Protein backbone atom coordinates (compact mmCIF):
# COMPACT_ATOMS: atom_id res chain seq x y z
CA MET A 1 -12.41 -22.80 -30.07
CA SER A 2 -9.96 -21.08 -32.02
CA LYS A 3 -6.14 -20.77 -31.14
CA GLN A 4 -6.66 -16.92 -30.34
CA ASN A 5 -9.56 -17.73 -27.95
CA ASN A 6 -7.66 -20.25 -26.29
CA VAL A 7 -4.78 -17.89 -25.63
CA ALA A 8 -7.34 -15.26 -24.20
CA THR A 9 -9.01 -17.73 -22.01
CA LEU A 10 -5.44 -18.96 -20.46
CA SER A 11 -4.36 -15.11 -20.21
CA SER A 12 -7.48 -14.17 -18.57
CA ARG A 13 -7.21 -17.38 -16.08
CA LEU A 14 -3.36 -16.09 -15.28
CA LEU A 15 -4.46 -12.76 -14.45
CA GLY A 16 -6.97 -14.03 -12.07
CA GLN A 17 -4.40 -16.06 -10.16
CA LEU A 18 -1.99 -13.19 -10.11
CA ALA A 19 -4.80 -11.25 -8.29
CA LEU A 20 -5.28 -14.06 -5.75
CA LEU A 21 -1.49 -14.36 -5.17
CA ALA A 22 -1.48 -10.48 -4.07
CA LEU A 23 -3.62 -11.10 -1.23
CA MET A 24 -2.33 -14.70 0.01
CA THR A 25 -0.17 -13.01 2.60
CA LEU A 26 -3.16 -11.63 4.05
CA LEU A 27 -4.95 -14.91 4.12
CA LEU A 28 -2.10 -16.26 5.78
CA SER A 29 -3.34 -14.72 9.26
CA ARG A 30 -6.21 -17.25 9.01
CA VAL A 31 -4.00 -20.21 8.90
CA GLY A 32 -3.11 -22.16 12.10
CA GLY A 33 0.46 -21.79 13.12
CA ALA A 34 0.85 -18.31 11.06
CA HIS A 35 0.41 -16.40 14.36
CA ALA A 36 3.73 -17.97 15.73
CA ALA A 37 5.33 -17.52 12.50
CA VAL A 38 4.77 -13.82 12.55
CA ALA A 39 5.44 -13.13 16.13
CA ASP A 40 8.78 -14.60 15.52
CA ALA A 41 9.53 -12.56 12.34
CA ILE A 42 8.75 -9.23 14.12
CA GLU A 43 11.82 -10.32 16.40
CA ARG A 44 13.96 -11.56 14.07
CA PRO A 45 16.26 -9.26 11.87
CA ALA A 46 16.25 -9.75 8.08
CA ILE A 47 18.79 -12.04 6.73
CA GLN A 48 21.27 -10.36 4.74
CA SER A 49 21.12 -11.84 0.98
CA ASN A 50 22.54 -11.10 -2.61
CA LEU A 51 19.17 -11.58 -3.98
CA GLY A 52 17.41 -8.72 -2.50
CA ALA A 53 17.25 -6.85 -5.88
CA HIS A 54 15.68 -9.90 -7.55
CA SER A 55 13.10 -10.30 -4.90
CA VAL A 56 9.46 -9.38 -4.28
CA LEU A 57 9.70 -5.41 -3.35
CA MET A 58 6.60 -3.55 -2.17
CA SER A 59 7.75 0.12 -1.84
CA VAL A 60 9.72 2.76 -2.67
CA ALA A 61 10.86 6.13 -1.88
CA SER A 62 13.01 8.69 -3.39
CA ILE A 63 15.31 10.87 -1.07
CA GLU A 64 17.62 13.51 -2.66
CA GLY A 65 19.39 11.44 -5.26
CA HIS A 66 18.89 7.81 -4.05
CA PHE A 67 16.22 5.37 -3.44
CA ILE A 68 15.02 3.18 -0.64
CA ALA A 69 12.88 0.36 -1.21
CA VAL A 70 11.23 -2.34 0.94
CA GLY A 71 10.02 -5.81 0.45
CA GLU A 72 9.47 -9.35 1.55
CA ARG A 73 11.34 -10.82 4.37
CA GLY A 74 11.92 -7.56 6.07
CA LEU A 75 14.30 -6.31 3.08
CA ILE A 76 15.09 -2.60 2.97
CA LEU A 77 17.38 -1.73 -0.16
CA ARG A 78 19.08 1.35 -1.17
CA SER A 79 20.53 2.63 -4.54
CA ASP A 80 22.54 5.49 -5.10
CA ASP A 81 22.92 5.30 -8.89
CA ASP A 82 19.48 5.86 -10.26
CA GLY A 83 18.26 2.36 -9.29
CA LYS A 84 20.84 0.30 -11.29
CA ASN A 85 22.52 -1.25 -8.48
CA TRP A 86 21.18 -1.99 -4.85
CA SER A 87 22.51 -2.90 -1.61
CA GLN A 88 20.91 -4.05 1.48
CA LEU A 89 20.59 -1.98 4.81
CA PRO A 90 19.97 -3.79 8.01
CA SER A 91 16.36 -4.47 9.20
CA PRO A 92 15.46 -5.22 12.83
CA VAL A 93 12.44 -7.77 11.46
CA SER A 94 11.73 -10.36 9.10
CA VAL A 95 7.96 -9.68 7.95
CA THR A 96 7.16 -8.37 4.97
CA LEU A 97 7.53 -4.71 4.54
CA THR A 98 4.48 -2.90 2.44
CA GLY A 99 5.42 0.78 2.41
CA VAL A 100 8.19 3.38 3.00
CA ALA A 101 8.10 7.02 3.21
CA PHE A 102 10.40 10.00 3.84
CA THR A 103 9.89 13.62 5.28
CA ASP A 104 13.44 14.61 4.25
CA ALA A 105 17.00 13.00 4.02
CA LYS A 106 17.21 11.81 7.30
CA ASN A 107 13.64 10.88 8.74
CA GLY A 108 11.22 8.04 7.45
CA TYR A 109 9.04 5.38 8.40
CA ALA A 110 8.68 1.80 6.98
CA ILE A 111 5.26 -0.36 7.76
CA GLY A 112 4.71 -4.01 7.16
CA HIS A 113 2.84 -7.19 8.55
CA GLY A 114 2.60 -7.97 12.07
CA GLY A 115 1.55 -4.56 12.81
CA ILE A 116 5.07 -3.50 12.43
CA VAL A 117 5.99 0.49 12.16
CA LEU A 118 9.85 1.24 11.60
CA ARG A 119 11.62 4.54 11.88
CA THR A 120 15.09 5.66 10.83
CA THR A 121 16.47 9.25 11.62
CA ASP A 122 19.67 8.77 9.53
CA GLY A 123 18.59 8.27 5.95
CA GLY A 124 17.77 4.55 6.36
CA GLN A 125 20.97 3.28 7.60
CA GLN A 126 19.37 2.17 10.87
CA TRP A 127 16.01 1.30 11.71
CA LYS A 128 13.87 1.15 15.05
CA VAL A 129 10.74 -0.61 15.60
CA GLN A 130 8.29 1.71 16.65
CA LEU A 131 5.30 -0.41 16.91
CA ASP A 132 4.35 -4.07 16.64
CA GLY A 133 0.89 -6.01 16.71
CA ARG A 134 1.30 -6.89 20.21
CA THR A 135 2.18 -3.56 21.51
CA LEU A 136 -0.77 -2.20 19.51
CA ALA A 137 -3.25 -4.66 20.68
CA ALA A 138 -2.41 -4.10 24.38
CA ASP A 139 -2.46 -0.23 23.87
CA LEU A 140 -5.86 -0.31 22.49
CA LEU A 141 -6.96 -2.73 25.10
CA LEU A 142 -5.88 -0.19 27.79
CA LYS A 143 -7.37 2.63 26.16
CA ALA A 144 -10.87 0.57 25.61
CA GLN A 145 -10.94 -0.39 29.23
CA ALA A 146 -10.48 3.29 30.20
CA SER A 147 -13.17 4.74 28.28
CA ASN A 148 -15.56 1.53 29.56
CA ASP A 149 -16.71 1.13 25.90
CA GLU A 150 -17.97 -2.72 25.99
CA GLU A 151 -17.61 -2.79 22.14
CA ALA A 152 -14.10 -1.33 22.04
CA ILE A 153 -13.08 -3.74 25.02
CA HIS A 154 -14.29 -6.77 23.06
CA GLN A 155 -12.72 -5.52 19.67
CA ALA A 156 -9.49 -4.91 21.78
CA LYS A 157 -9.48 -8.38 23.45
CA LEU A 158 -9.89 -9.95 20.13
CA LEU A 159 -6.69 -8.28 18.65
CA VAL A 160 -5.17 -9.62 21.82
CA SER A 161 -6.17 -13.00 21.25
CA ASP A 162 -5.25 -13.09 17.44
CA GLY A 163 -1.57 -12.06 18.00
CA PRO A 164 0.44 -9.94 15.55
CA ASP A 165 -1.38 -11.06 12.44
CA LYS A 166 -2.53 -7.62 11.30
CA PRO A 167 -0.55 -6.13 8.28
CA PHE A 168 -0.50 -2.46 7.72
CA LEU A 169 -0.72 -1.99 3.89
CA ASP A 170 -0.34 1.74 3.28
CA MET A 171 0.48 5.00 5.20
CA LEU A 172 0.39 8.63 4.85
CA LEU A 173 3.33 10.60 5.99
CA LEU A 174 2.47 14.41 7.05
CA GLY A 175 5.30 15.35 8.95
CA ARG A 176 8.55 14.26 10.51
CA ASP A 177 6.45 12.82 13.61
CA HIS A 178 3.08 12.68 12.02
CA LEU A 179 2.03 9.51 10.48
CA ILE A 180 -1.36 7.73 9.75
CA VAL A 181 -1.29 4.14 9.08
CA VAL A 182 -4.11 1.74 7.34
CA GLY A 183 -4.35 -1.98 7.09
CA ALA A 184 -6.30 -5.29 7.24
CA TYR A 185 -9.46 -5.61 9.25
CA GLY A 186 -10.19 -1.95 9.34
CA LEU A 187 -7.09 -0.53 11.11
CA VAL A 188 -6.42 3.07 11.06
CA LEU A 189 -4.12 4.54 13.50
CA GLU A 190 -2.47 7.90 13.88
CA THR A 191 0.82 9.14 15.64
CA LYS A 192 1.89 12.78 16.14
CA ASP A 193 4.94 11.96 18.26
CA GLY A 194 6.75 9.58 15.99
CA GLY A 195 5.40 6.51 16.95
CA LEU A 196 5.91 6.83 20.56
CA THR A 197 1.95 6.91 21.14
CA TRP A 198 -0.99 6.13 18.86
CA ASP A 199 -4.60 7.01 18.43
CA SER A 200 -6.98 4.91 16.59
CA TRP A 201 -9.30 6.58 14.06
CA MET A 202 -11.36 3.28 13.53
CA ASP A 203 -14.24 5.24 15.53
CA ARG A 204 -14.45 7.83 12.95
CA ILE A 205 -14.96 5.38 10.14
CA GLU A 206 -18.16 3.18 9.51
CA ASN A 207 -16.24 0.09 8.58
CA TYR A 208 -18.45 -2.56 10.70
CA LEU A 209 -17.29 -5.43 8.98
CA GLY A 210 -13.65 -4.68 9.14
CA LEU A 211 -12.91 -4.52 5.70
CA HIS A 212 -9.02 -4.49 4.60
CA LEU A 213 -7.95 -0.89 3.64
CA TYR A 214 -5.51 -0.75 1.04
CA SER A 215 -4.82 2.86 0.25
CA ILE A 216 -4.82 6.34 1.98
CA ARG A 217 -4.35 9.69 0.14
CA LYS A 218 -4.43 13.24 1.14
CA GLN A 219 -4.94 16.52 -1.00
CA GLY A 220 -5.81 19.58 1.08
CA ASN A 221 -8.44 19.12 3.66
CA ARG A 222 -9.63 15.80 1.73
CA ILE A 223 -8.22 12.56 3.04
CA LEU A 224 -9.39 9.40 0.76
CA ILE A 225 -9.35 5.71 2.45
CA ALA A 226 -9.93 2.89 -0.04
CA GLY A 227 -10.20 -1.01 0.41
CA GLU A 228 -12.01 -4.17 -0.18
CA GLN A 229 -15.24 -4.89 -1.31
CA GLY A 230 -15.54 -1.66 -2.75
CA PHE A 231 -15.17 0.39 0.69
CA VAL A 232 -14.43 3.83 0.26
CA ALA A 233 -14.35 6.49 3.01
CA LEU A 234 -13.79 10.31 2.42
CA SER A 235 -12.90 13.21 4.95
CA VAL A 236 -13.33 16.76 4.07
CA ASP A 237 -12.27 18.13 7.49
CA ASP A 238 -8.58 16.77 7.81
CA GLY A 239 -9.76 13.28 8.94
CA GLN A 240 -11.99 14.73 11.68
CA SER A 241 -14.93 12.87 10.35
CA PHE A 242 -15.42 10.46 7.24
CA GLU A 243 -18.37 9.56 4.94
CA THR A 244 -18.67 6.29 3.44
CA LEU A 245 -19.26 6.62 -0.33
CA GLU A 246 -21.32 4.31 -2.34
CA THR A 247 -19.21 3.01 -5.23
CA PRO A 248 -20.54 0.96 -8.13
CA TYR A 249 -17.89 -1.76 -7.96
CA GLU A 250 -17.68 -4.72 -4.94
CA GLY A 251 -14.36 -5.66 -5.66
CA SER A 252 -11.20 -4.16 -3.73
CA PHE A 253 -9.65 -1.08 -4.60
CA PHE A 254 -5.89 -1.26 -4.32
CA THR A 255 -4.82 2.30 -5.12
CA ALA A 256 -6.52 5.64 -5.16
CA GLN A 257 -5.43 9.35 -6.00
CA LEU A 258 -7.29 12.67 -5.24
CA ALA A 259 -6.83 15.25 -7.99
CA GLY A 260 -8.40 18.88 -8.93
CA ASN A 261 -10.61 20.22 -6.16
CA SER A 262 -13.15 17.21 -6.29
CA GLU A 263 -11.89 14.50 -8.26
CA VAL A 264 -11.52 11.13 -6.85
CA VAL A 265 -9.84 7.89 -8.84
CA LEU A 266 -10.17 4.66 -7.67
CA ALA A 267 -8.56 1.44 -9.17
CA GLY A 268 -8.09 -2.09 -8.53
CA LEU A 269 -9.04 -5.88 -8.92
CA ARG A 270 -9.40 -6.84 -12.54
CA GLY A 271 -8.45 -3.60 -13.56
CA ASN A 272 -11.83 -1.82 -12.57
CA THR A 273 -11.25 1.90 -12.57
CA PHE A 274 -13.58 4.63 -11.51
CA VAL A 275 -13.51 8.37 -11.60
CA SER A 276 -15.67 10.78 -9.68
CA SER A 277 -15.82 14.75 -10.24
CA ASP A 278 -17.72 15.61 -7.21
CA ASN A 279 -16.11 13.93 -4.14
CA GLY A 280 -17.69 10.24 -4.78
CA GLN A 281 -21.54 11.30 -5.31
CA ASP A 282 -21.50 10.22 -8.94
CA TRP A 283 -19.26 7.54 -11.00
CA LYS A 284 -17.81 7.11 -14.37
CA LYS A 285 -16.20 3.82 -15.22
CA ILE A 286 -12.92 4.40 -16.94
CA LYS A 287 -12.17 1.72 -19.93
CA ASN A 288 -9.38 -0.13 -19.54
CA PRO A 289 -8.35 -2.92 -22.29
CA ILE A 290 -6.30 -5.02 -19.79
CA SER A 291 -8.57 -7.03 -17.17
CA ALA A 292 -5.41 -7.45 -14.71
CA SER A 293 -5.63 -6.00 -11.24
CA ILE A 294 -4.00 -2.43 -10.96
CA MET A 295 -1.82 -2.30 -7.49
CA SER A 296 -0.26 1.10 -7.65
CA SER A 297 -0.38 4.73 -9.23
CA PHE A 298 1.06 7.96 -8.99
CA ILE A 299 0.34 11.34 -10.61
CA ASN A 300 3.24 12.49 -12.84
CA LYS A 301 4.71 16.18 -13.24
CA SER A 302 2.23 16.87 -15.94
CA GLY A 303 -0.71 15.97 -14.01
CA GLN A 304 -1.56 12.41 -15.71
CA ILE A 305 -1.99 9.63 -13.33
CA ILE A 306 -0.02 6.64 -14.04
CA PHE A 307 -1.20 2.93 -12.94
CA ALA A 308 0.67 -0.32 -12.49
CA ASN A 309 -0.92 -3.49 -13.15
CA GLN A 310 -0.14 -7.27 -12.51
CA ALA A 311 0.00 -7.92 -16.24
CA GLY A 312 3.34 -5.90 -16.06
CA ILE A 313 2.06 -2.96 -17.73
CA LEU A 314 1.99 0.59 -17.10
CA LEU A 315 -1.11 2.71 -18.22
CA GLY A 316 -2.07 6.34 -18.32
CA LEU A 317 -5.45 7.87 -17.81
CA THR A 318 -6.29 9.76 -20.65
CA ALA A 319 -9.73 11.26 -22.02
CA ASN A 320 -11.73 8.96 -19.63
CA ARG A 321 -9.72 5.55 -20.65
CA LEU A 322 -6.59 3.98 -19.73
CA VAL A 323 -3.97 3.69 -22.50
CA PRO A 324 -0.92 1.22 -22.30
CA LEU A 325 2.06 3.01 -22.00
CA THR A 326 5.27 0.55 -22.09
CA ARG A 327 5.93 -1.58 -25.32
CA LYS A 328 6.93 -4.68 -23.75
CA ARG A 329 5.50 -6.79 -20.67
CA LEU A 330 7.18 -6.57 -17.37
CA PRO A 331 6.87 -8.80 -14.36
CA PRO A 332 3.65 -8.44 -12.34
CA LEU A 333 3.96 -4.86 -10.86
CA THR A 334 3.77 -3.95 -7.36
CA ASN A 335 4.40 -0.34 -7.11
CA LEU A 336 6.19 2.63 -8.96
CA ILE A 337 7.41 6.13 -8.47
CA GLU A 338 8.37 9.04 -10.89
CA LYS A 339 12.24 9.75 -11.23
CA SER A 340 13.57 13.44 -11.14
CA ASN A 341 14.17 13.24 -14.81
CA GLY A 342 10.61 11.67 -15.54
CA ASN A 343 11.31 8.16 -15.88
CA VAL A 344 9.73 5.70 -13.86
CA LEU A 345 11.11 3.14 -11.31
CA ALA A 346 8.78 0.26 -10.99
CA LEU A 347 8.69 -2.59 -8.52
CA SER A 348 8.02 -5.95 -9.20
CA ILE A 349 7.73 -9.63 -7.80
CA HIS A 350 11.24 -9.82 -9.16
CA GLY A 351 12.74 -6.82 -8.00
CA PRO A 352 12.99 -2.91 -9.36
CA VAL A 353 12.74 -2.03 -13.01
CA SER A 354 13.61 1.23 -14.79
CA ILE A 355 11.58 2.43 -17.31
CA ASP A 356 12.73 5.31 -19.68
CA VAL A 357 10.40 7.70 -20.93
CA GLY A 358 11.56 6.74 -24.53
CA ASP A 359 10.53 3.05 -23.80
CA MET A 360 6.84 4.26 -23.24
CA LYS A 361 4.37 4.76 -26.12
């Protein structure tokens, strides 16, 4: 075998290992003793550290001239200088935080492992726990018992016995008090009062295997939810009902986008990317030169979809193919956001990375 082939083989193995690492935190909930660890972490404030800006960060939001990022061990960071320097903000939990979003300069939410939902009303300076896995399980059990739904009661009792081990993985923020969260084992919940009460959407979605749900997006009346084993559900009536879409891939979709009037874009494990122009009735596979898992995406100001993968490369969707946009590889990327000047702030397993448009091909 040639040296070039050896390098290609080693690279392929490395990318596969990185894809597995992205899901290891979910698998921890299967290990004995993890329940107690998560239960402890949802009650323990995050430790102050000088290493926050070099840690695993999972999500970032832009709020009127500054950024708020969240990540492992309950980290919440703020940058006031376009992502150059970061300071740690107080966090009431030590679980990994997977998502953050704001409706305005004051009001925002963060989600994470242990069924955690945090809320801030002062721009991120202080955060309050609005939901955790124990409260969620107890509430779902009470509602199931009130409805006399035997299956719902059975599922709720399983949640109670499992403990607070179910992570939330993405959210859709629709207003100051209106939030939808999705997560592991098919969790889909909605609050319209800022997290005081929650309603389950799980009876609206045919996810009988309880597959993990990684991404939720909204455009107009369409709401798209994507997850593992090729699972995708689409609503065209603002979430009142969902149709489970057949997709040509049985691997996980970690990110999705809704574009145009009926376009759906899915991307995920091993770089597999698909586009439908008719709300998921037909699919076209997008050519991707890099077989690394795609973890995040956004639609930039010019309408192009930009993806971030675990090989540390940004890719742009152009003419039914993905084109690498960055000249050099970065650490494995977890998320990204467009800055007001058109540049990109990416998050990685080693912290935030600013990417100037001039550094992109």
